[in-house]
PDB file of N, CA and C in Angstrom:
ATOM      1  N   MET A   1     -22.338  11.613 -20.214  1.00  0.00           N
ATOM      2  CA  MET A   1     -21.240  10.879 -18.740  1.00  0.00           C
ATOM      3  C   MET A   1     -21.971  11.256 -17.664  1.00  0.00           C
ATOM      4  N   ASN A   2     -21.700  12.867 -17.273  1.00  0.00           N
ATOM      5  CA  ASN A   2     -21.667  13.593 -15.918  1.00  0.00           C
ATOM      6  C   ASN A   2     -22.980  12.931 -15.126  1.00  0.00           C
ATOM      7  N   VAL A   3     -24.530  12.519 -16.032  1.00  0.00           N
ATOM      8  CA  VAL A   3     -25.279  12.055 -15.676  1.00  0.00           C
ATOM      9  C   VAL A   3     -24.972  10.680 -15.079  1.00  0.00           C
ATOM     10  N   VAL A   4     -24.304   9.679 -15.749  1.00  0.00           N
ATOM     11  CA  VAL A   4     -24.045   8.642 -15.321  1.00  0.00           C
ATOM     12  C   VAL A   4     -23.243   8.695 -13.665  1.00  0.00           C
ATOM     13  N   ILE A   5     -22.436   9.518 -14.227  1.00  0.00           N
ATOM     14  CA  ILE A   5     -21.238   9.711 -12.881  1.00  0.00           C
ATOM     15  C   ILE A   5     -22.123  10.333 -11.695  1.00  0.00           C
ATOM     16  N   TRP A   6     -23.263  11.298 -11.314  1.00  0.00           N
ATOM     17  CA  TRP A   6     -23.602  11.807 -10.580  1.00  0.00           C
ATOM     18  C   TRP A   6     -24.693  10.331  -9.939  1.00  0.00           C
ATOM     19  N   ILE A   7     -24.596   9.578 -11.000  1.00  0.00           N
ATOM     20  CA  ILE A   7     -26.256   8.958 -10.172  1.00  0.00           C
ATOM     21  C   ILE A   7     -25.333   7.616  -9.408  1.00  0.00           C
ATOM     22  N   VAL A   8     -23.620   7.020  -9.815  1.00  0.00           N
ATOM     23  CA  VAL A   8     -23.292   6.539  -9.315  1.00  0.00           C
ATOM     24  C   VAL A   8     -22.655   7.316  -7.480  1.00  0.00           C
ATOM     25  N   GLN A   9     -22.474   8.595  -7.578  1.00  0.00           N
ATOM     26  CA  GLN A   9     -21.839   9.439  -7.120  1.00  0.00           C
ATOM     27  C   GLN A   9     -23.099   9.073  -5.746  1.00  0.00           C
ATOM     28  N   GLY A  10     -24.519   9.177  -6.364  1.00  0.00           N
ATOM     29  CA  GLY A  10     -25.533   9.429  -5.784  1.00  0.00           C
ATOM     30  C   GLY A  10     -25.537   8.473  -4.473  1.00  0.00           C
ATOM     31  N   LEU A  11     -25.416   7.053  -5.679  1.00  0.00           N
ATOM     32  CA  LEU A  11     -25.952   5.548  -4.851  1.00  0.00           C
ATOM     33  C   LEU A  11     -24.811   4.903  -3.849  1.00  0.00           C
ATOM     34  N   LEU A  12     -23.327   5.272  -4.309  1.00  0.00           N
ATOM     35  CA  LEU A  12     -22.256   5.342  -3.123  1.00  0.00           C
ATOM     36  C   LEU A  12     -22.432   5.852  -1.695  1.00  0.00           C
ATOM     37  N   ALA A  13     -23.072   7.171  -2.048  1.00  0.00           N
ATOM     38  CA  ALA A  13     -23.364   7.907  -0.785  1.00  0.00           C
ATOM     39  C   ALA A  13     -24.271   7.467  -0.076  1.00  0.00           C
ATOM     40  N   ALA A  14     -25.684   7.393  -0.910  1.00  0.00           N
ATOM     41  CA  ALA A  14     -26.575   6.292   0.179  1.00  0.00           C
ATOM     42  C   ALA A  14     -26.016   5.445   0.848  1.00  0.00           C
ATOM     43  N   MET A  15     -25.406   4.484   0.019  1.00  0.00           N
ATOM     44  CA  MET A  15     -25.503   3.066   0.426  1.00  0.00           C
ATOM     45  C   MET A  15     -23.878   3.187   1.800  1.00  0.00           C
ATOM     46  N   PHE A  16     -22.831   3.861   1.799  1.00  0.00           N
ATOM     47  CA  PHE A  16     -22.088   4.299   2.899  1.00  0.00           C
ATOM     48  C   PHE A  16     -22.692   5.472   3.799  1.00  0.00           C
ATOM     49  N   LEU A  17     -23.783   6.172   3.851  1.00  0.00           N
ATOM     50  CA  LEU A  17     -24.404   6.832   4.704  1.00  0.00           C
ATOM     51  C   LEU A  17     -25.232   5.792   5.764  1.00  0.00           C
ATOM     52  N   VAL A  18     -25.928   4.656   4.582  1.00  0.00           N
ATOM     53  CA  VAL A  18     -26.576   4.322   5.668  1.00  0.00           C
ATOM     54  C   VAL A  18     -25.733   2.791   6.488  1.00  0.00           C
ATOM     55  N   SER A  19     -24.624   2.415   5.911  1.00  0.00           N
ATOM     56  CA  SER A  19     -23.373   1.388   6.145  1.00  0.00           C
ATOM     57  C   SER A  19     -22.810   2.024   7.498  1.00  0.00           C
ATOM     58  N   GLY A  20     -22.051   3.691   7.088  1.00  0.00           N
ATOM     59  CA  GLY A  20     -21.646   3.885   8.583  1.00  0.00           C
ATOM     60  C   GLY A  20     -22.249   4.454   9.230  1.00  0.00           C
ATOM     61  N   GLY A  21     -23.765   4.925   9.369  1.00  0.00           N
ATOM     62  CA  GLY A  21     -24.176   5.292  10.067  1.00  0.00           C
ATOM     63  C   GLY A  21     -24.839   4.334  10.954  1.00  0.00           C
ATOM     64  N   SER A  22     -24.905   3.211  10.469  1.00  0.00           N
ATOM     65  CA  SER A  22     -25.281   2.083  11.363  1.00  0.00           C
ATOM     66  C   SER A  22     -24.203   1.650  12.357  1.00  0.00           C
ATOM     67  N   LYS A  23     -22.931   1.450  11.641  1.00  0.00           N
ATOM     68  CA  LYS A  23     -21.435   1.372  12.531  1.00  0.00           C
ATOM     69  C   LYS A  23     -21.461   2.112  13.800  1.00  0.00           C
ATOM     70  N   LEU A  24     -22.120   3.390  13.224  1.00  0.00           N
ATOM     71  CA  LEU A  24     -21.539   4.464  14.721  1.00  0.00           C
ATOM     72  C   LEU A  24     -23.030   4.114  15.399  1.00  0.00           C
ATOM     73  N   ALA A  25     -24.150   4.127  14.769  1.00  0.00           N
ATOM     74  CA  ALA A  25     -25.356   4.113  16.003  1.00  0.00           C
ATOM     75  C   ALA A  25     -25.971   3.197  16.793  1.00  0.00           C
ATOM     76  N   LEU A  26     -25.576   1.971  15.909  1.00  0.00           N
ATOM     77  CA  LEU A  26     -25.575   0.666  16.610  1.00  0.00           C
ATOM     78  C   LEU A  26     -25.549   0.426  17.572  1.00  0.00           C
ATOM     79  N   PRO A  27     -25.971  -0.473  18.844  1.00  0.00           N
ATOM     80  CA  PRO A  27     -24.852  -0.908  19.777  1.00  0.00           C
ATOM     81  C   PRO A  27     -24.538  -2.367  19.005  1.00  0.00           C
ATOM     82  N   GLU A  28     -22.898  -2.460  19.494  1.00  0.00           N
ATOM     83  CA  GLU A  28     -22.250  -3.541  19.357  1.00  0.00           C
ATOM     84  C   GLU A  28     -22.734  -5.185  19.397  1.00  0.00           C
ATOM     85  N   SER A  29     -23.985  -5.496  19.917  1.00  0.00           N
ATOM     86  CA  SER A  29     -24.506  -6.302  20.171  1.00  0.00           C
ATOM     87  C   SER A  29     -25.599  -6.737  18.329  1.00  0.00           C
ATOM     88  N   LYS A  30     -26.191  -5.829  18.072  1.00  0.00           N
ATOM     89  CA  LYS A  30     -26.734  -5.606  16.601  1.00  0.00           C
ATOM     90  C   LYS A  30     -26.119  -5.133  16.049  1.00  0.00           C
ATOM     91  N   LEU A  31     -25.050  -4.693  15.865  1.00  0.00           N
ATOM     92  CA  LEU A  31     -24.108  -5.516  14.556  1.00  0.00           C
ATOM     93  C   LEU A  31     -23.343  -6.393  14.731  1.00  0.00           C
ATOM     94  N   LYS A  32     -23.168  -7.084  15.225  1.00  0.00           N
ATOM     95  CA  LYS A  32     -22.837  -9.006  15.000  1.00  0.00           C
ATOM     96  C   LYS A  32     -23.181  -9.031  14.439  1.00  0.00           C
ATOM     97  N   GLU A  33     -25.087  -9.522  14.828  1.00  0.00           N
ATOM     98  CA  GLU A  33     -26.040 -10.161  14.127  1.00  0.00           C
ATOM     99  C   GLU A  33     -25.695 -10.040  12.705  1.00  0.00           C
ATOM    100  N   ARG A  34     -25.913  -8.674  12.076  1.00  0.00           N
ATOM    101  CA  ARG A  34     -25.704  -8.029  10.584  1.00  0.00           C
ATOM    102  C   ARG A  34     -24.243  -8.774  10.140  1.00  0.00           C
ATOM    103  N   MET A  35     -22.909  -7.941  10.879  1.00  0.00           N
ATOM    104  CA  MET A  35     -21.825  -8.134  10.580  1.00  0.00           C
ATOM    105  C   MET A  35     -20.748  -9.103  11.070  1.00  0.00           C
ATOM    106  N   THR A  36     -20.539 -10.459  10.827  1.00  0.00           N
ATOM    107  CA  THR A  36     -19.633 -11.089  11.321  1.00  0.00           C
ATOM    108  C   THR A  36     -18.341 -10.469  11.622  1.00  0.00           C
ATOM    109  N   TRP A  37     -17.181 -10.366  11.060  1.00  0.00           N
ATOM    110  CA  TRP A  37     -16.392  -9.407  10.781  1.00  0.00           C
ATOM    111  C   TRP A  37     -15.926  -8.486  12.181  1.00  0.00           C
ATOM    112  N   ILE A  38     -17.001  -8.004  12.934  1.00  0.00           N
ATOM    113  CA  ILE A  38     -16.829  -6.720  13.806  1.00  0.00           C
ATOM    114  C   ILE A  38     -16.091  -7.500  15.162  1.00  0.00           C
ATOM    115  N   ASP A  39     -15.957  -8.775  15.440  1.00  0.00           N
ATOM    116  CA  ASP A  39     -14.931  -9.618  16.645  1.00  0.00           C
ATOM    117  C   ASP A  39     -14.317  -9.695  16.089  1.00  0.00           C
ATOM    118  N   SER A  40     -13.588  -9.040  14.978  1.00  0.00           N
ATOM    119  CA  SER A  40     -12.293  -9.447  14.754  1.00  0.00           C
ATOM    120  C   SER A  40     -11.565  -7.595  14.959  1.00  0.00           C
ATOM    121  N   TYR A  41     -12.643  -6.896  15.472  1.00  0.00           N
ATOM    122  CA  TYR A  41     -11.905  -5.519  15.509  1.00  0.00           C
ATOM    123  C   TYR A  41     -12.194  -5.179  16.809  1.00  0.00           C
ATOM    124  N   PRO A  42     -11.699  -4.258  17.245  1.00  0.00           N
ATOM    125  CA  PRO A  42     -11.624  -3.545  18.045  1.00  0.00           C
ATOM    126  C   PRO A  42     -13.144  -2.646  18.230  1.00  0.00           C
ATOM    127  N   LYS A  43     -13.915  -1.973  19.102  1.00  0.00           N
ATOM    128  CA  LYS A  43     -15.454  -1.640  18.665  1.00  0.00           C
ATOM    129  C   LYS A  43     -14.587   0.030  18.554  1.00  0.00           C
ATOM    130  N   ASN A  44     -13.377   0.445  18.916  1.00  0.00           N
ATOM    131  CA  ASN A  44     -12.864   2.038  18.518  1.00  0.00           C
ATOM    132  C   ASN A  44     -13.108   1.727  16.668  1.00  0.00           C
ATOM    133  N   SER A  45     -12.425   0.454  16.528  1.00  0.00           N
ATOM    134  CA  SER A  45     -12.001   0.730  14.950  1.00  0.00           C
ATOM    135  C   SER A  45     -12.969   0.152  14.016  1.00  0.00           C
ATOM    136  N   VAL A  46     -14.401   0.128  14.764  1.00  0.00           N
ATOM    137  CA  VAL A  46     -15.689  -0.300  13.805  1.00  0.00           C
ATOM    138  C   VAL A  46     -16.162   1.522  13.866  1.00  0.00           C
ATOM    139  N   ARG A  47     -16.027   2.220  14.786  1.00  0.00           N
ATOM    140  CA  ARG A  47     -16.679   3.109  14.792  1.00  0.00           C
ATOM    141  C   ARG A  47     -15.967   4.179  13.849  1.00  0.00           C
ATOM    142  N   PHE A  48     -14.656   3.796  14.643  1.00  0.00           N
ATOM    143  CA  PHE A  48     -13.936   4.618  13.234  1.00  0.00           C
ATOM    144  C   PHE A  48     -14.278   4.507  11.484  1.00  0.00           C
ATOM    145  N   ILE A  49     -13.989   3.288  11.267  1.00  0.00           N
ATOM    146  CA  ILE A  49     -15.129   3.004   9.832  1.00  0.00           C
ATOM    147  C   ILE A  49     -16.506   3.866   9.246  1.00  0.00           C
ATOM    148  N   GLY A  50     -16.856   3.386  10.453  1.00  0.00           N
ATOM    149  CA  GLY A  50     -18.334   3.985   9.894  1.00  0.00           C
ATOM    150  C   GLY A  50     -18.414   5.215   9.854  1.00  0.00           C
ATOM    151  N   ALA A  51     -17.515   6.219  10.881  1.00  0.00           N
ATOM    152  CA  ALA A  51     -17.573   7.902  10.467  1.00  0.00           C
ATOM    153  C   ALA A  51     -16.708   7.927   9.440  1.00  0.00           C
ATOM    154  N   VAL A  52     -15.667   7.535   8.984  1.00  0.00           N
ATOM    155  CA  VAL A  52     -15.120   7.118   7.894  1.00  0.00           C
ATOM    156  C   VAL A  52     -16.236   7.357   6.735  1.00  0.00           C
ATOM    157  N   GLU A  53     -16.945   6.020   6.340  1.00  0.00           N
ATOM    158  CA  GLU A  53     -17.946   5.752   5.692  1.00  0.00           C
ATOM    159  C   GLU A  53     -19.284   7.006   5.231  1.00  0.00           C
ATOM    160  N   VAL A  54     -19.059   7.641   6.695  1.00  0.00           N
ATOM    161  CA  VAL A  54     -20.013   8.865   6.293  1.00  0.00           C
ATOM    162  C   VAL A  54     -19.741  10.107   5.901  1.00  0.00           C
ATOM    163  N   LEU A  55     -18.679  10.509   6.237  1.00  0.00           N
ATOM    164  CA  LEU A  55     -18.012  11.564   5.651  1.00  0.00           C
ATOM    165  C   LEU A  55     -17.786  11.711   4.162  1.00  0.00           C
ATOM    166  N   ALA A  56     -17.474  10.219   3.975  1.00  0.00           N
ATOM    167  CA  ALA A  56     -16.652   9.974   2.780  1.00  0.00           C
ATOM    168  C   ALA A  56     -18.361  10.120   1.821  1.00  0.00           C
ATOM    169  N   ALA A  57     -19.474   9.902   1.960  1.00  0.00           N
ATOM    170  CA  ALA A  57     -20.593   9.670   1.582  1.00  0.00           C
ATOM    171  C   ALA A  57     -21.011  11.121   1.829  1.00  0.00           C
ATOM    172  N   ILE A  58     -20.784  12.359   2.282  1.00  0.00           N
ATOM    173  CA  ILE A  58     -21.155  13.269   2.154  1.00  0.00           C
ATOM    174  C   ILE A  58     -20.083  14.025   1.759  1.00  0.00           C
ATOM    175  N   GLY A  59     -18.326  13.670   1.324  1.00  0.00           N
ATOM    176  CA  GLY A  59     -18.016  13.834   0.319  1.00  0.00           C
ATOM    177  C   GLY A  59     -17.892  14.195  -0.570  1.00  0.00           C
ATOM    178  N   LEU A  60     -19.119  12.987  -1.265  1.00  0.00           N
ATOM    179  CA  LEU A  60     -18.937  12.298  -2.325  1.00  0.00           C
ATOM    180  C   LEU A  60     -20.185  13.158  -3.256  1.00  0.00           C
ATOM    181  N   ILE A  61     -20.985  14.171  -1.933  1.00  0.00           N
ATOM    182  CA  ILE A  61     -22.466  14.813  -2.764  1.00  0.00           C
ATOM    183  C   ILE A  61     -21.736  16.337  -2.404  1.00  0.00           C
ATOM    184  N   LEU A  62     -21.605  16.502  -1.376  1.00  0.00           N
ATOM    185  CA  LEU A  62     -21.523  18.104  -0.869  1.00  0.00           C
ATOM    186  C   LEU A  62     -20.403  18.710  -1.629  1.00  0.00           C
ATOM    187  N   PRO A  63     -19.632  18.553  -1.969  1.00  0.00           N
ATOM    188  CA  PRO A  63     -18.576  19.993  -2.515  1.00  0.00           C
ATOM    189  C   PRO A  63     -18.449  19.718  -4.196  1.00  0.00           C
ATOM    190  N   ALA A  64     -18.939  18.504  -4.870  1.00  0.00           N
ATOM    191  CA  ALA A  64     -19.842  18.883  -6.157  1.00  0.00           C
ATOM    192  C   ALA A  64     -20.573  19.160  -6.412  1.00  0.00           C
ATOM    193  N   ALA A  65     -21.972  19.534  -5.630  1.00  0.00           N
ATOM    194  CA  ALA A  65     -23.412  19.913  -5.718  1.00  0.00           C
ATOM    195  C   ALA A  65     -23.040  21.881  -5.337  1.00  0.00           C
ATOM    196  N   THR A  66     -21.878  21.629  -4.387  1.00  0.00           N
ATOM    197  CA  THR A  66     -22.281  23.280  -3.825  1.00  0.00           C
ATOM    198  C   THR A  66     -20.622  23.905  -4.593  1.00  0.00           C
ATOM    199  N   LYS A  67     -19.875  23.369  -5.434  1.00  0.00           N
ATOM    200  CA  LYS A  67     -18.446  23.865  -5.638  1.00  0.00           C
ATOM    201  C   LYS A  67     -17.860  24.288  -4.459  1.00  0.00           C
ATOM    202  N   ILE A  68     -17.680  23.849  -3.923  1.00  0.00           N
ATOM    203  CA  ILE A  68     -16.839  24.678  -2.985  1.00  0.00           C
ATOM    204  C   ILE A  68     -15.850  23.737  -2.390  1.00  0.00           C
ATOM    205  N   ALA A  69     -14.829  23.664  -2.658  1.00  0.00           N
ATOM    206  CA  ALA A  69     -13.660  22.681  -2.969  1.00  0.00           C
ATOM    207  C   ALA A  69     -14.215  21.436  -3.406  1.00  0.00           C
ATOM    208  N   PRO A  70     -13.956  21.219  -4.572  1.00  0.00           N
ATOM    209  CA  PRO A  70     -14.889  20.368  -5.141  1.00  0.00           C
ATOM    210  C   PRO A  70     -13.750  19.352  -5.544  1.00  0.00           C
ATOM    211  N   VAL A  71     -12.595  19.193  -5.400  1.00  0.00           N
ATOM    212  CA  VAL A  71     -11.578  18.487  -5.447  1.00  0.00           C
ATOM    213  C   VAL A  71     -11.584  17.482  -4.679  1.00  0.00           C
ATOM    214  N   LEU A  72     -12.809  17.533  -3.441  1.00  0.00           N
ATOM    215  CA  LEU A  72     -13.040  16.867  -2.673  1.00  0.00           C
ATOM    216  C   LEU A  72     -13.541  15.614  -3.033  1.00  0.00           C
ATOM    217  N   THR A  73     -14.381  16.005  -3.949  1.00  0.00           N
ATOM    218  CA  THR A  73     -15.591  14.605  -4.148  1.00  0.00           C
ATOM    219  C   THR A  73     -14.843  13.524  -5.289  1.00  0.00           C
ATOM    220  N   PRO A  74     -13.157  13.596  -5.620  1.00  0.00           N
ATOM    221  CA  PRO A  74     -12.713  12.318  -5.778  1.00  0.00           C
ATOM    222  C   PRO A  74     -12.237  12.268  -4.957  1.00  0.00           C
ATOM    223  N   LEU A  75     -11.364  12.807  -4.212  1.00  0.00           N
ATOM    224  CA  LEU A  75     -10.608  12.027  -2.763  1.00  0.00           C
ATOM    225  C   LEU A  75     -11.449  10.975  -1.949  1.00  0.00           C
ATOM    226  N   ALA A  76     -12.582  11.605  -1.592  1.00  0.00           N
ATOM    227  CA  ALA A  76     -13.127  10.756  -1.015  1.00  0.00           C
ATOM    228  C   ALA A  76     -13.916   9.388  -1.469  1.00  0.00           C
ATOM    229  N   ALA A  77     -13.883   9.409  -2.699  1.00  0.00           N
ATOM    230  CA  ALA A  77     -14.367   8.453  -3.998  1.00  0.00           C
ATOM    231  C   ALA A  77     -13.199   7.465  -3.835  1.00  0.00           C
ATOM    232  N   THR A  78     -11.430   8.112  -3.600  1.00  0.00           N
ATOM    233  CA  THR A  78     -10.570   7.335  -3.595  1.00  0.00           C
ATOM    234  C   THR A  78     -10.510   7.017  -2.267  1.00  0.00           C
ATOM    235  N   GLY A  79     -10.743   7.456  -1.180  1.00  0.00           N
ATOM    236  CA  GLY A  79     -11.218   6.845  -0.016  1.00  0.00           C
ATOM    237  C   GLY A  79     -11.332   5.499   0.284  1.00  0.00           C
ATOM    238  N   LEU A  80     -12.586   6.058  -0.172  1.00  0.00           N
ATOM    239  CA  LEU A  80     -13.943   5.043  -0.411  1.00  0.00           C
ATOM    240  C   LEU A  80     -13.429   3.281  -0.537  1.00  0.00           C
ATOM    241  N   PHE A  81     -12.903   3.631  -1.646  1.00  0.00           N
ATOM    242  CA  PHE A  81     -11.620   2.756  -3.160  1.00  0.00           C
ATOM    243  C   PHE A  81     -10.366   2.050  -1.612  1.00  0.00           C
ATOM    244  N   ILE A  82      -9.994   2.512  -1.093  1.00  0.00           N
ATOM    245  CA  ILE A  82      -8.844   2.130   0.063  1.00  0.00           C
ATOM    246  C   ILE A  82     -10.110   1.442   0.769  1.00  0.00           C
ATOM    247  N   VAL A  83     -10.883   2.273   1.342  1.00  0.00           N
ATOM    248  CA  VAL A  83     -11.782   1.300   2.692  1.00  0.00           C
ATOM    249  C   VAL A  83     -12.241  -0.136   2.206  1.00  0.00           C
ATOM    250  N   MET A  84     -13.212   0.124   0.392  1.00  0.00           N
ATOM    251  CA  MET A  84     -13.378  -1.498  -0.002  1.00  0.00           C
ATOM    252  C   MET A  84     -12.404  -2.663  -0.003  1.00  0.00           C
ATOM    253  N   VAL A  85     -11.238  -1.990  -0.729  1.00  0.00           N
ATOM    254  CA  VAL A  85     -10.064  -2.419  -0.390  1.00  0.00           C
ATOM    255  C   VAL A  85      -9.638  -3.621   0.647  1.00  0.00           C
ATOM    256  N   GLY A  86      -9.820  -2.878   1.414  1.00  0.00           N
ATOM    257  CA  GLY A  86      -9.664  -3.381   2.747  1.00  0.00           C
ATOM    258  C   GLY A  86     -10.518  -3.939   3.342  1.00  0.00           C
ATOM    259  N   ALA A  87     -11.606  -3.856   3.044  1.00  0.00           N
ATOM    260  CA  ALA A  87     -13.073  -4.899   3.803  1.00  0.00           C
ATOM    261  C   ALA A  87     -13.078  -5.788   2.907  1.00  0.00           C
ATOM    262  N   THR A  88     -12.571  -6.151   1.429  1.00  0.00           N
ATOM    263  CA  THR A  88     -12.422  -7.335   0.714  1.00  0.00           C
ATOM    264  C   THR A  88     -11.718  -8.098   1.383  1.00  0.00           C
ATOM    265  N   ILE A  89      -9.855  -7.532   1.580  1.00  0.00           N
ATOM    266  CA  ILE A  89      -9.189  -8.685   2.208  1.00  0.00           C
ATOM    267  C   ILE A  89      -9.426  -9.007   3.374  1.00  0.00           C
ATOM    268  N   THR A  90     -10.224  -7.892   4.494  1.00  0.00           N
ATOM    269  CA  THR A  90     -10.780  -8.485   6.343  1.00  0.00           C
ATOM    270  C   THR A  90     -11.851  -9.546   5.860  1.00  0.00           C
ATOM    271  N   HIS A  91     -12.612  -9.592   4.582  1.00  0.00           N
ATOM    272  CA  HIS A  91     -13.835 -10.906   4.540  1.00  0.00           C
ATOM    273  C   HIS A  91     -12.567 -11.735   3.660  1.00  0.00           C
ATOM    274  N   LEU A  92     -11.962 -11.791   2.756  1.00  0.00           N
ATOM    275  CA  LEU A  92     -10.826 -13.184   2.460  1.00  0.00           C
ATOM    276  C   LEU A  92     -10.688 -13.370   3.574  1.00  0.00           C
ATOM    277  N   LYS A  93      -9.796 -12.861   4.494  1.00  0.00           N
ATOM    278  CA  LYS A  93      -9.049 -13.698   5.283  1.00  0.00           C
ATOM    279  C   LYS A  93      -9.713 -14.156   6.590  1.00  0.00           C
ATOM    280  N   LEU A  94     -11.252 -13.907   6.600  1.00  0.00           N
ATOM    281  CA  LEU A  94     -12.154 -14.098   7.297  1.00  0.00           C
ATOM    282  C   LEU A  94     -13.355 -15.926   6.882  1.00  0.00           C
ATOM    283  N   ASN A  95     -12.391 -15.842   5.574  1.00  0.00           N
ATOM    284  CA  ASN A  95     -13.359 -16.767   4.701  1.00  0.00           C
ATOM    285  C   ASN A  95     -14.805 -16.608   4.531  1.00  0.00           C
ATOM    286  N   GLU A  96     -15.107 -15.560   4.359  1.00  0.00           N
ATOM    287  CA  GLU A  96     -16.143 -15.026   4.306  1.00  0.00           C
ATOM    288  C   GLU A  96     -16.383 -14.333   2.732  1.00  0.00           C
ATOM    289  N   ALA A  97     -16.205 -15.520   1.696  1.00  0.00           N
ATOM    290  CA  ALA A  97     -16.523 -15.331   0.201  1.00  0.00           C
ATOM    291  C   ALA A  97     -17.303 -14.729  -0.441  1.00  0.00           C
ATOM    292  N   LYS A  98     -18.518 -15.050   0.540  1.00  0.00           N
ATOM    293  CA  LYS A  98     -19.996 -14.520   0.276  1.00  0.00           C
ATOM    294  C   LYS A  98     -19.680 -13.426  -0.321  1.00  0.00           C
ATOM    295  N   ALA A  99     -18.769 -12.464   0.785  1.00  0.00           N
ATOM    296  CA  ALA A  99     -19.303 -10.637   1.094  1.00  0.00           C
ATOM    297  C   ALA A  99     -18.437 -10.109   0.329  1.00  0.00           C
ATOM    298  N   THR A 100     -17.369 -10.878  -0.489  1.00  0.00           N
ATOM    299  CA  THR A 100     -16.313 -10.033  -1.276  1.00  0.00           C
ATOM    300  C   THR A 100     -16.793  -9.652  -2.898  1.00  0.00           C
ATOM    301  N   PRO A 101     -18.018 -10.438  -2.857  1.00  0.00           N
ATOM    302  CA  PRO A 101     -18.243  -9.878  -4.908  1.00  0.00           C
ATOM    303  C   PRO A 101     -18.804  -8.049  -4.104  1.00  0.00           C
ATOM    304  N   VAL A 102     -19.768  -8.340  -3.279  1.00  0.00           N
ATOM    305  CA  VAL A 102     -20.437  -6.540  -2.571  1.00  0.00           C
ATOM    306  C   VAL A 102     -19.353  -5.570  -2.394  1.00  0.00           C
ATOM    307  N   THR A 103     -17.746  -6.030  -1.565  1.00  0.00           N
ATOM    308  CA  THR A 103     -16.877  -5.167  -1.573  1.00  0.00           C
ATOM    309  C   THR A 103     -16.316  -4.479  -3.211  1.00  0.00           C
ATOM    310  N   ILE A 104     -15.902  -5.772  -3.905  1.00  0.00           N
ATOM    311  CA  ILE A 104     -15.783  -5.439  -5.098  1.00  0.00           C
ATOM    312  C   ILE A 104     -16.263  -4.272  -5.864  1.00  0.00           C
ATOM    313  N   VAL A 105     -17.373  -5.075  -5.898  1.00  0.00           N
ATOM    314  CA  VAL A 105     -18.339  -4.042  -6.957  1.00  0.00           C
ATOM    315  C   VAL A 105     -18.486  -2.382  -6.407  1.00  0.00           C
ATOM    316  N   LEU A 106     -18.294  -2.530  -5.154  1.00  0.00           N
ATOM    317  CA  LEU A 106     -18.509  -0.946  -4.051  1.00  0.00           C
ATOM    318  C   LEU A 106     -16.652  -0.180  -4.760  1.00  0.00           C
ATOM    319  N   ALA A 107     -15.646  -0.637  -4.766  1.00  0.00           N
ATOM    320  CA  ALA A 107     -14.813  -0.572  -4.741  1.00  0.00           C
ATOM    321  C   ALA A 107     -14.595  -0.446  -6.342  1.00  0.00           C
ATOM    322  N   LEU A 108     -14.546  -1.095  -6.913  1.00  0.00           N
ATOM    323  CA  LEU A 108     -14.623  -0.574  -8.684  1.00  0.00           C
ATOM    324  C   LEU A 108     -15.324   0.851  -8.766  1.00  0.00           C
ATOM    325  N   LEU A 109     -16.474   0.849  -8.251  1.00  0.00           N
ATOM    326  CA  LEU A 109     -17.920   2.284  -8.830  1.00  0.00           C
ATOM    327  C   LEU A 109     -16.546   3.266  -8.139  1.00  0.00           C
ATOM    328  N   SER A 110     -16.621   2.932  -6.792  1.00  0.00           N
ATOM    329  CA  SER A 110     -15.482   4.041  -5.986  1.00  0.00           C
ATOM    330  C   SER A 110     -14.461   4.469  -6.538  1.00  0.00           C
ATOM    331  N   LEU A 111     -13.843   3.922  -7.670  1.00  0.00           N
ATOM    332  CA  LEU A 111     -12.052   3.970  -8.128  1.00  0.00           C
ATOM    333  C   LEU A 111     -12.586   4.941  -9.467  1.00  0.00           C
ATOM    334  N   PHE A 112     -13.829   4.425 -10.214  1.00  0.00           N
ATOM    335  CA  PHE A 112     -14.890   5.066 -11.311  1.00  0.00           C
ATOM    336  C   PHE A 112     -14.610   6.381 -11.514  1.00  0.00           C
ATOM    337  N   VAL A 113     -15.833   6.254 -10.023  1.00  0.00           N
ATOM    338  CA  VAL A 113     -16.016   8.250  -9.686  1.00  0.00           C
ATOM    339  C   VAL A 113     -14.486   9.269  -9.398  1.00  0.00           C
ATOM    340  N   ALA A 114     -13.824   8.046  -8.758  1.00  0.00           N
ATOM    341  CA  ALA A 114     -12.038   9.406  -8.606  1.00  0.00           C
ATOM    342  C   ALA A 114     -11.906   9.623  -9.723  1.00  0.00           C
ATOM    343  N   ILE A 115     -11.339   8.044 -10.742  1.00  0.00           N
ATOM    344  CA  ILE A 115     -10.659   8.675 -11.718  1.00  0.00           C
ATOM    345  C   ILE A 115     -12.287   9.345 -12.752  1.00  0.00           C
ATOM    346  N   THR A 116     -12.791   9.556 -12.976  1.00  0.00           N
ATOM    347  CA  THR A 116     -13.806  10.206 -14.042  1.00  0.00           C
ATOM    348  C   THR A 116     -13.387  11.582 -13.414  1.00  0.00           C
ATOM    349  N   ARG A 117     -13.628  11.650 -11.822  1.00  0.00           N
ATOM    350  CA  ARG A 117     -13.487  13.149 -11.474  1.00  0.00           C
ATOM    351  C   ARG A 117     -12.051  14.196 -11.206  1.00  0.00           C
ATOM    352  N   PHE A 118     -11.431  12.931 -11.326  1.00  0.00           N
ATOM    353  CA  PHE A 118      -9.891  13.459 -11.106  1.00  0.00           C
ATOM    354  C   PHE A 118      -9.773  14.034 -12.340  1.00  0.00           C
ATOM    355  N   GLY A 119     -10.154  13.024 -13.567  1.00  0.00           N
ATOM    356  CA  GLY A 119      -9.851  13.584 -14.559  1.00  0.00           C
ATOM    357  C   GLY A 119     -10.797  14.049 -15.618  1.00  0.00           C
ATOM    358  N   PRO A 120     -11.492  13.289 -17.409  1.00  0.00           N
ATOM    359  CA  PRO A 120     -12.285  13.630 -18.068  1.00  0.00           C
ATOM    360  C   PRO A 120     -13.094  14.639 -17.686  1.00  0.00           C
ATOM    361  N   TYR A 121     -14.299  14.171 -16.407  1.00  0.00           N
ATOM    362  CA  TYR A 121     -15.062  14.747 -16.160  1.00  0.00           C
ATOM    363  C   TYR A 121     -15.262  15.236 -14.827  1.00  0.00           C
ATOM    364  N   SER A 122     -13.988  16.438 -14.133  1.00  0.00           N
ATOM    365  CA  SER A 122     -13.676  16.896 -13.035  1.00  0.00           C
ATOM    366  C   SER A 122     -14.674  18.422 -12.969  1.00  0.00           C
ATOM    367  N   LEU A 123     -14.931  18.925 -12.090  1.00  0.00           N
ATOM    368  CA  LEU A 123     -15.673  19.070 -11.010  1.00  0.00           C
ATOM    369  C   LEU A 123     -15.022  20.815 -11.445  1.00  0.00           C
TER     370      LEU A 123
END
């Protein structure tokens, strides 16, 4: 089971590193092409979400791998769960129902990591 959790952590970390990194690095015009919700939020909020995603991606792997403050790993997963719940609500408010399955799956995977790393498979 520990291997499965590590695989999920790695996939989540890769996904959020790319997603958050693009929110931080790409110009606003490029982001608008990819993410229609960008117009609904101030630029600084979008950059903040990107920073949270990148930091959480790092938090999913680094503390667990180094055994330095490993409690940060389930905390990072919990934070990503909260971000994905917010993303789901945002997509529903903006009538973007096609985007909600992805955010729900990511939320559930993040919740899985949080529960298992806080509980029976803690680090």
